[in-house]
C-alpha atoms as a PDB file:
ATOM      1  CA  MET A   1      -8.763 -10.604   5.403  1.00  0.00           C
ATOM      2  CA  GLY A   2      -7.333  -8.819   2.418  1.00  0.00           C
ATOM      3  CA  ALA A   3      -3.679  -8.177   1.737  1.00  0.00           C
ATOM      4  CA  LEU A   4      -4.155  -4.408   1.489  1.00  0.00           C
ATOM      5  CA  ALA A   5      -5.435  -4.115   5.062  1.00  0.00           C
ATOM      6  CA  ARG A   6      -2.570  -6.231   6.412  1.00  0.00           C
ATOM      7  CA  ILE A   7       0.155  -4.463   4.433  1.00  0.00           C
ATOM      8  CA  ALA A   8      -1.096  -0.955   5.209  1.00  0.00           C
ATOM      9  CA  THR A   9      -1.597  -1.753   8.902  1.00  0.00           C
ATOM     10  CA  TRP A  10       1.914  -3.190   9.256  1.00  0.00           C
ATOM     11  CA  GLY A  11       3.166  -0.197   7.252  1.00  0.00           C
ATOM     12  CA  ALA A  12       1.446   2.235   9.647  1.00  0.00           C
ATOM     13  CA  CYS A  13       3.022   0.391  12.559  1.00  0.00           C
ATOM     14  CA  ALA A  14       6.488   0.602  10.965  1.00  0.00           C
ATOM     15  CA  ALA A  15       6.100   4.277  10.005  1.00  0.00           C
ATOM     16  CA  SER A  16       5.039   5.173  13.547  1.00  0.00           C
ATOM     17  CA  ILE A  17       8.150   3.468  14.916  1.00  0.00           C
ATOM     18  CA  GLY A  18      10.179   5.217  12.212  1.00  0.00           C
ATOM     19  CA  TYR A  19       8.827   8.495  13.558  1.00  0.00           C
ATOM     20  CA  GLY A  20       9.132   7.612  17.244  1.00  0.00           C
ATOM     21  CA  VAL A  21      12.793   6.610  17.294  1.00  0.00           C
ATOM     22  CA  PRO A  22      14.134   9.875  15.820  1.00  0.00           C
ATOM     23  CA  GLN A  23      11.682  11.828  17.985  1.00  0.00           C
ATOM     24  CA  LEU A  24      13.174  10.254  21.104  1.00  0.00           C
ATOM     25  CA  LEU A  25      16.714  10.800  19.780  1.00  0.00           C
ATOM     26  CA  GLN A  26      15.851  14.462  19.128  1.00  0.00           C
ATOM     27  CA  VAL A  27      14.555  14.949  22.672  1.00  0.00           C
ATOM     28  CA  ALA A  28      17.744  13.312  23.982  1.00  0.00           C
ATOM     29  CA  GLY A  29      19.794  15.789  21.924  1.00  0.00           C
ATOM     30  CA  LEU A  30      21.420  13.041  19.860  1.00  0.00           C
ATOM     31  CA  LEU A  31      20.400  14.273  16.401  1.00  0.00           C
ATOM     32  CA  PRO A  32      21.541  17.556  14.866  1.00  0.00           C
ATOM     33  CA  ASP A  33      19.111  19.983  13.273  1.00  0.00           C
ATOM     34  CA  PRO A  34      17.751  19.704  10.565  1.00  0.00           C
ATOM     35  CA  VAL A  35      18.536  15.978  10.347  1.00  0.00           C
ATOM     36  CA  ASP A  36      16.260  15.418  13.342  1.00  0.00           C
ATOM     37  CA  ARG A  37      13.305  17.140  11.700  1.00  0.00           C
ATOM     38  CA  ILE A  38      13.833  15.375   8.374  1.00  0.00           C
ATOM     39  CA  LEU A  39      13.966  11.974  10.094  1.00  0.00           C
ATOM     40  CA  ILE A  40      10.769  12.835  11.994  1.00  0.00           C
ATOM     41  CA  PHE A  41       8.728  14.426   9.192  1.00  0.00           C
ATOM     42  CA  ALA A  42       9.540  11.858   6.471  1.00  0.00           C
ATOM     43  CA  PRO A  43       8.072   8.793   8.227  1.00  0.00           C
ATOM     44  CA  SER A  44       5.215  10.973   9.486  1.00  0.00           C
ATOM     45  CA  LEU A  45       4.405  11.852   5.884  1.00  0.00           C
ATOM     46  CA  ALA A  46       4.351   8.114   5.067  1.00  0.00           C
ATOM     47  CA  LEU A  47       2.263   7.270   8.131  1.00  0.00           C
ATOM     48  CA  ALA A  48      -0.668   9.475   7.118  1.00  0.00           C
ATOM     49  CA  PRO A  49      -1.629   7.681   3.873  1.00  0.00           C
ATOM     50  CA  LEU A  50      -0.729   4.257   5.273  1.00  0.00           C
ATOM     51  CA  PHE A  51      -3.124   4.748   8.184  1.00  0.00           C
ATOM     52  CA  ALA A  52      -5.879   6.080   5.903  1.00  0.00           C
ATOM     53  CA  VAL A  53      -5.478   3.177   3.457  1.00  0.00           C
ATOM     54  CA  ALA A  54      -5.439   0.662   6.317  1.00  0.00           C
ATOM     55  CA  LEU A  55      -8.699   2.020   7.676  1.00  0.00           C
ATOM     56  CA  ALA A  56     -10.252   2.167   4.204  1.00  0.00           C
ATOM     57  CA  ALA A  57      -9.407  -1.496   3.660  1.00  0.00           C
ATOM     58  CA  LEU A  58     -10.652  -2.454   7.121  1.00  0.00           C
ATOM     59  CA  ALA A  59     -13.922  -0.593   6.514  1.00  0.00           C
ATOM     60  CA  GLY A  60     -14.372  -2.205   3.122  1.00  0.00           C
ATOM     61  CA  GLU A  61     -13.958  -5.695   4.559  1.00  0.00           C
ATOM     62  CA  ALA A  62     -16.194  -5.210   7.599  1.00  0.00           C
ATOM     63  CA  THR A  63     -19.640  -6.692   8.022  1.00  0.00           C
ATOM     64  CA  GLY A  64     -22.448  -6.179  10.515  1.00  0.00           C
ATOM     65  CA  GLU A  65     -22.273  -3.583  13.259  1.00  0.00           C
ATOM     66  CA  GLY A  66     -18.473  -3.365  13.004  1.00  0.00           C
ATOM     67  CA  ARG A  67     -18.870  -1.846   9.541  1.00  0.00           C
ATOM     68  CA  ALA A  68     -20.317   1.432  10.857  1.00  0.00           C
ATOM     69  CA  TRP A  69     -17.546   1.765  13.482  1.00  0.00           C
ATOM     70  CA  ARG A  70     -14.884   1.148  10.862  1.00  0.00           C
ATOM     71  CA  PHE A  71     -16.330   3.639   8.404  1.00  0.00           C
ATOM     72  CA  GLY A  72     -16.472   6.235  11.171  1.00  0.00           C
ATOM     73  CA  ALA A  73     -12.822   5.510  11.943  1.00  0.00           C
ATOM     74  CA  PHE A  74     -11.982   5.761   8.245  1.00  0.00           C
ATOM     75  CA  ALA A  75     -13.622   9.196   8.019  1.00  0.00           C
ATOM     76  CA  LEU A  76     -11.451  10.461  10.877  1.00  0.00           C
ATOM     77  CA  ALA A  77      -8.360   8.843   9.310  1.00  0.00           C
ATOM     78  CA  LEU A  78      -8.985  10.816   6.128  1.00  0.00           C
ATOM     79  CA  LEU A  79      -9.227  14.057   8.096  1.00  0.00           C
ATOM     80  CA  TYR A  80      -6.032  13.164   9.959  1.00  0.00           C
ATOM     81  CA  ALA A  81      -4.146  12.398   6.755  1.00  0.00           C
ATOM     82  CA  GLY A  82      -5.321  15.603   5.088  1.00  0.00           C
ATOM     83  CA  HIS A  83      -4.378  17.787   8.021  1.00  0.00           C
ATOM     84  CA  VAL A  84      -0.960  16.407   8.896  1.00  0.00           C
ATOM     85  CA  SER A  85       0.221  15.838   5.317  1.00  0.00           C
ATOM     86  CA  GLN A  86       0.102  19.550   4.614  1.00  0.00           C
ATOM     87  CA  VAL A  87       2.244  20.176   7.703  1.00  0.00           C
ATOM     88  CA  TYR A  88       4.927  17.630   6.789  1.00  0.00           C
ATOM     89  CA  VAL A  89       5.143  18.387   3.084  1.00  0.00           C
ATOM     90  CA  GLY A  90       5.437  22.078   3.970  1.00  0.00           C
ATOM     91  CA  GLN A  91       8.274  21.357   6.386  1.00  0.00           C
ATOM     92  CA  LEU A  92      10.110  18.971   4.058  1.00  0.00           C
ATOM     93  CA  GLY A  93       9.465  20.865   0.836  1.00  0.00           C
ATOM     94  CA  VAL A  94       9.557  24.512   1.915  1.00  0.00           C
ATOM     95  CA  VAL A  95      10.691  25.292   5.466  1.00  0.00           C
ATOM     96  CA  ILE A  96      13.769  23.051   5.798  1.00  0.00           C
ATOM     97  CA  PRO A  97      15.043  23.592   2.218  1.00  0.00           C
ATOM     98  CA  ARG A  98      14.740  27.378   2.668  1.00  0.00           C
ATOM     99  CA  GLU A  99      16.686  27.196   5.931  1.00  0.00           C
ATOM    100  CA  LEU A 100      19.402  25.075   4.298  1.00  0.00           C
ATOM    101  CA  ALA A 101      19.648  27.611   1.443  1.00  0.00           C
ATOM    102  CA  GLY A 102      20.030  30.453   3.942  1.00  0.00           C
ATOM    103  CA  MET A 103      16.757  32.062   2.881  1.00  0.00           C
ATOM    104  CA  ALA A 104      14.400  33.961   5.162  1.00  0.00           C
ATOM    105  CA  PRO A 105      11.799  31.807   6.954  1.00  0.00           C
ATOM    106  CA  VAL A 106       8.291  31.618   5.543  1.00  0.00           C
ATOM    107  CA  THR A 107       5.846  33.314   7.889  1.00  0.00           C
ATOM    108  CA  GLY A 108       2.900  31.165   8.981  1.00  0.00           C
ATOM    109  CA  PHE A 109       4.511  27.770   8.425  1.00  0.00           C
ATOM    110  CA  GLY A 110       5.927  27.434  11.925  1.00  0.00           C
ATOM    111  CA  CYS A 111       5.960  23.973  13.420  1.00  0.00           C
ATOM    112  CA  CYS A 112       6.328  22.392  15.930  1.00  0.00           C
ATOM    113  CA  GLY A 113       6.288  24.697  18.926  1.00  0.00           C
ATOM    114  CA  PHE A 114       3.669  26.257  21.148  1.00  0.00           C
ATOM    115  CA  ARG A 115       1.217  28.582  19.372  1.00  0.00           C
ATOM    116  CA  GLN A 116       2.696  28.050  15.942  1.00  0.00           C
ATOM    117  CA  PRO A 117       0.081  27.705  13.182  1.00  0.00           C
ATOM    118  CA  MET A 118       1.148  24.347  11.782  1.00  0.00           C
ATOM    119  CA  THR A 119       1.464  22.945  15.302  1.00  0.00           C
ATOM    120  CA  ALA A 120      -2.252  23.570  15.793  1.00  0.00           C
ATOM    121  CA  VAL A 121      -3.031  21.769  12.527  1.00  0.00           C
ATOM    122  CA  ASP A 122      -0.746  18.883  13.508  1.00  0.00           C
ATOM    123  CA  LEU A 123      -2.396  18.554  16.929  1.00  0.00           C
ATOM    124  CA  LEU A 124      -5.824  18.530  15.289  1.00  0.00           C
ATOM    125  CA  GLY A 125      -4.659  15.759  12.967  1.00  0.00           C
ATOM    126  CA  TYR A 126      -3.264  13.610  15.751  1.00  0.00           C
ATOM    127  CA  THR A 127      -6.447  14.127  17.749  1.00  0.00           C
ATOM    128  CA  GLU A 128      -8.415  12.823  14.747  1.00  0.00           C
ATOM    129  CA  MET A 129      -6.060   9.856  14.416  1.00  0.00           C
ATOM    130  CA  SER A 130      -6.477   8.968  18.076  1.00  0.00           C
ATOM    131  CA  LEU A 131     -10.248   9.256  17.836  1.00  0.00           C
ATOM    132  CA  ALA A 132     -10.140   7.046  14.731  1.00  0.00           C
ATOM    133  CA  THR A 133      -8.518   4.271  16.767  1.00  0.00           C
ATOM    134  CA  LEU A 134     -11.143   4.778  19.473  1.00  0.00           C
ATOM    135  CA  LEU A 135     -13.901   4.257  16.882  1.00  0.00           C
ATOM    136  CA  LEU A 136     -12.064   1.267  15.421  1.00  0.00           C
ATOM    137  CA  ALA A 137     -11.787  -0.456  18.819  1.00  0.00           C
ATOM    138  CA  PRO A 138     -15.351  -1.900  19.027  1.00  0.00           C
ATOM    139  CA  SER A 139     -14.808  -3.786  15.772  1.00  0.00           C
ATOM    140  CA  PHE A 140     -11.971  -5.844  17.291  1.00  0.00           C
ATOM    141  CA  ARG A 141     -11.625  -8.173  20.275  1.00  0.00           C
ATOM    142  CA  GLY A 142      -9.119  -8.769  23.014  1.00  0.00           C
ATOM    143  CA  ALA A 143      -5.807  -6.948  23.186  1.00  0.00           C
ATOM    144  CA  ALA A 144      -6.309  -5.171  19.851  1.00  0.00           C
ATOM    145  CA  ARG A 145      -9.550  -3.639  21.109  1.00  0.00           C
ATOM    146  CA  ALA A 146      -7.950  -2.576  24.402  1.00  0.00           C
ATOM    147  CA  TRP A 147      -4.877  -0.978  22.805  1.00  0.00           C
ATOM    148  CA  LEU A 148      -6.951   0.802  20.145  1.00  0.00           C
ATOM    149  CA  ALA A 149      -9.123   2.270  22.909  1.00  0.00           C
ATOM    150  CA  ILE A 150      -6.105   3.222  25.027  1.00  0.00           C
ATOM    151  CA  ASN A 151      -4.555   4.982  22.050  1.00  0.00           C
ATOM    152  CA  GLY A 152      -7.895   6.685  21.428  1.00  0.00           C
ATOM    153  CA  LEU A 153      -7.728   8.212  24.891  1.00  0.00           C
ATOM    154  CA  THR A 154      -4.506  10.021  23.954  1.00  0.00           C
ATOM    155  CA  ALA A 155      -6.759  12.365  21.954  1.00  0.00           C
ATOM    156  CA  VAL A 156      -7.449  14.330  25.139  1.00  0.00           C
ATOM    157  CA  PRO A 157      -3.883  15.317  26.078  1.00  0.00           C
ATOM    158  CA  VAL A 158      -2.909  15.705  22.421  1.00  0.00           C
ATOM    159  CA  PHE A 159      -5.677  18.214  21.729  1.00  0.00           C
ATOM    160  CA  LEU A 160      -5.280  20.054  25.026  1.00  0.00           C
ATOM    161  CA  GLN A 161      -1.663  20.818  24.140  1.00  0.00           C
ATOM    162  CA  LEU A 162      -3.134  23.726  22.184  1.00  0.00           C
ATOM    163  CA  TRP A 163      -3.444  25.492  25.550  1.00  0.00           C
ATOM    164  CA  TRP A 164      -1.205  23.487  27.883  1.00  0.00           C
ATOM    165  CA  PRO A 165       1.963  22.405  26.047  1.00  0.00           C
ATOM    166  CA  ALA A 166       3.241  20.539  29.124  1.00  0.00           C
ATOM    167  CA  LEU A 167       0.691  17.837  28.236  1.00  0.00           C
ATOM    168  CA  ILE A 168       3.101  16.734  25.520  1.00  0.00           C
ATOM    169  CA  TRP A 169       4.388  14.176  28.020  1.00  0.00           C
ATOM    170  CA  ALA A 170       0.931  12.603  28.419  1.00  0.00           C
ATOM    171  CA  GLY A 171       0.340  12.741  24.675  1.00  0.00           C
ATOM    172  CA  ALA A 172       3.714  11.083  24.135  1.00  0.00           C
ATOM    173  CA  ALA A 173       2.104   7.819  25.256  1.00  0.00           C
ATOM    174  CA  TRP A 174       1.109   7.693  21.582  1.00  0.00           C
ATOM    175  CA  LEU A 175       4.717   6.680  20.795  1.00  0.00           C
ATOM    176  CA  VAL A 176       3.941   3.318  22.402  1.00  0.00           C
ATOM    177  CA  THR A 177       0.170   2.890  22.242  1.00  0.00           C
ATOM    178  CA  PHE A 178      -0.212   3.517  18.503  1.00  0.00           C
ATOM    179  CA  PRO A 179       2.408   1.064  17.160  1.00  0.00           C
ATOM    180  CA  VAL A 180       1.293  -1.579  19.664  1.00  0.00           C
ATOM    181  CA  ALA A 181      -2.346  -1.117  18.608  1.00  0.00           C
ATOM    182  CA  MET A 182      -1.442  -1.305  14.910  1.00  0.00           C
ATOM    183  CA  ALA A 183       0.713  -4.394  15.430  1.00  0.00           C
ATOM    184  CA  LEU A 184      -2.129  -6.120  17.301  1.00  0.00           C
ATOM    185  CA  VAL A 185      -4.613  -5.210  14.550  1.00  0.00           C
ATOM    186  CA  ALA A 186      -2.197  -6.519  11.915  1.00  0.00           C
ATOM    187  CA  ARG A 187      -1.711  -9.749  13.875  1.00  0.00           C
ATOM    188  CA  ALA A 188      -5.494 -10.150  14.155  1.00  0.00           C
ATOM    189  CA  LEU A 189      -5.728  -9.730  10.392  1.00  0.00           C
ATOM    190  CA  ASP A 190      -2.916 -12.247   9.864  1.00  0.00           C
ATOM    191  CA  ARG A 191      -4.719 -14.770  12.114  1.00  0.00           C
ATOM    192  CA  ALA A 192      -8.035 -14.229  10.316  1.00  0.00           C
ATOM    193  CA  ARG A 193      -6.308 -14.969   7.019  1.00  0.00           C
ATOM    194  CA  ALA A 194      -4.828 -18.273   8.249  1.00  0.00           C
END
């Protein structure tokens, strides 16, 4: 398998861990604001293109029936990356800098709380990402297939947070299932190369 698929898949795994650790520290109240948001949004902004590139490379290398599954997953990865990138660049480039400068908040850029506009866009993106891993699952075997499918199932609680924010705890399974799935995919790619 090609180097691009391996590098981008390991990169997506690392970026998801880079997001997850500060997210957990934020929930525990161990990071001050806005440091917490910066440490969450920055790796999230890196994760989006890494995941899309990983799925593009995987689709490009696929043969047979797995090719269609991987291209379907790639299509959803592109939607995910497009949706969430606008949320994170807006937070890092507009919302947080304006707050630090003591300026008035920008209406309509609210994230990441219940019924805030950018929260809805973010939830849509993460639903698409989860569904992308679900579509990717049939093109792998063993543990990688299982973990991709398990992560794909997080799409349900993630999306339903639009109406029931308490489902954040079920959707938070993503903090484990996604990096494990990406690590197993990357290991499968490493083994195929050897």
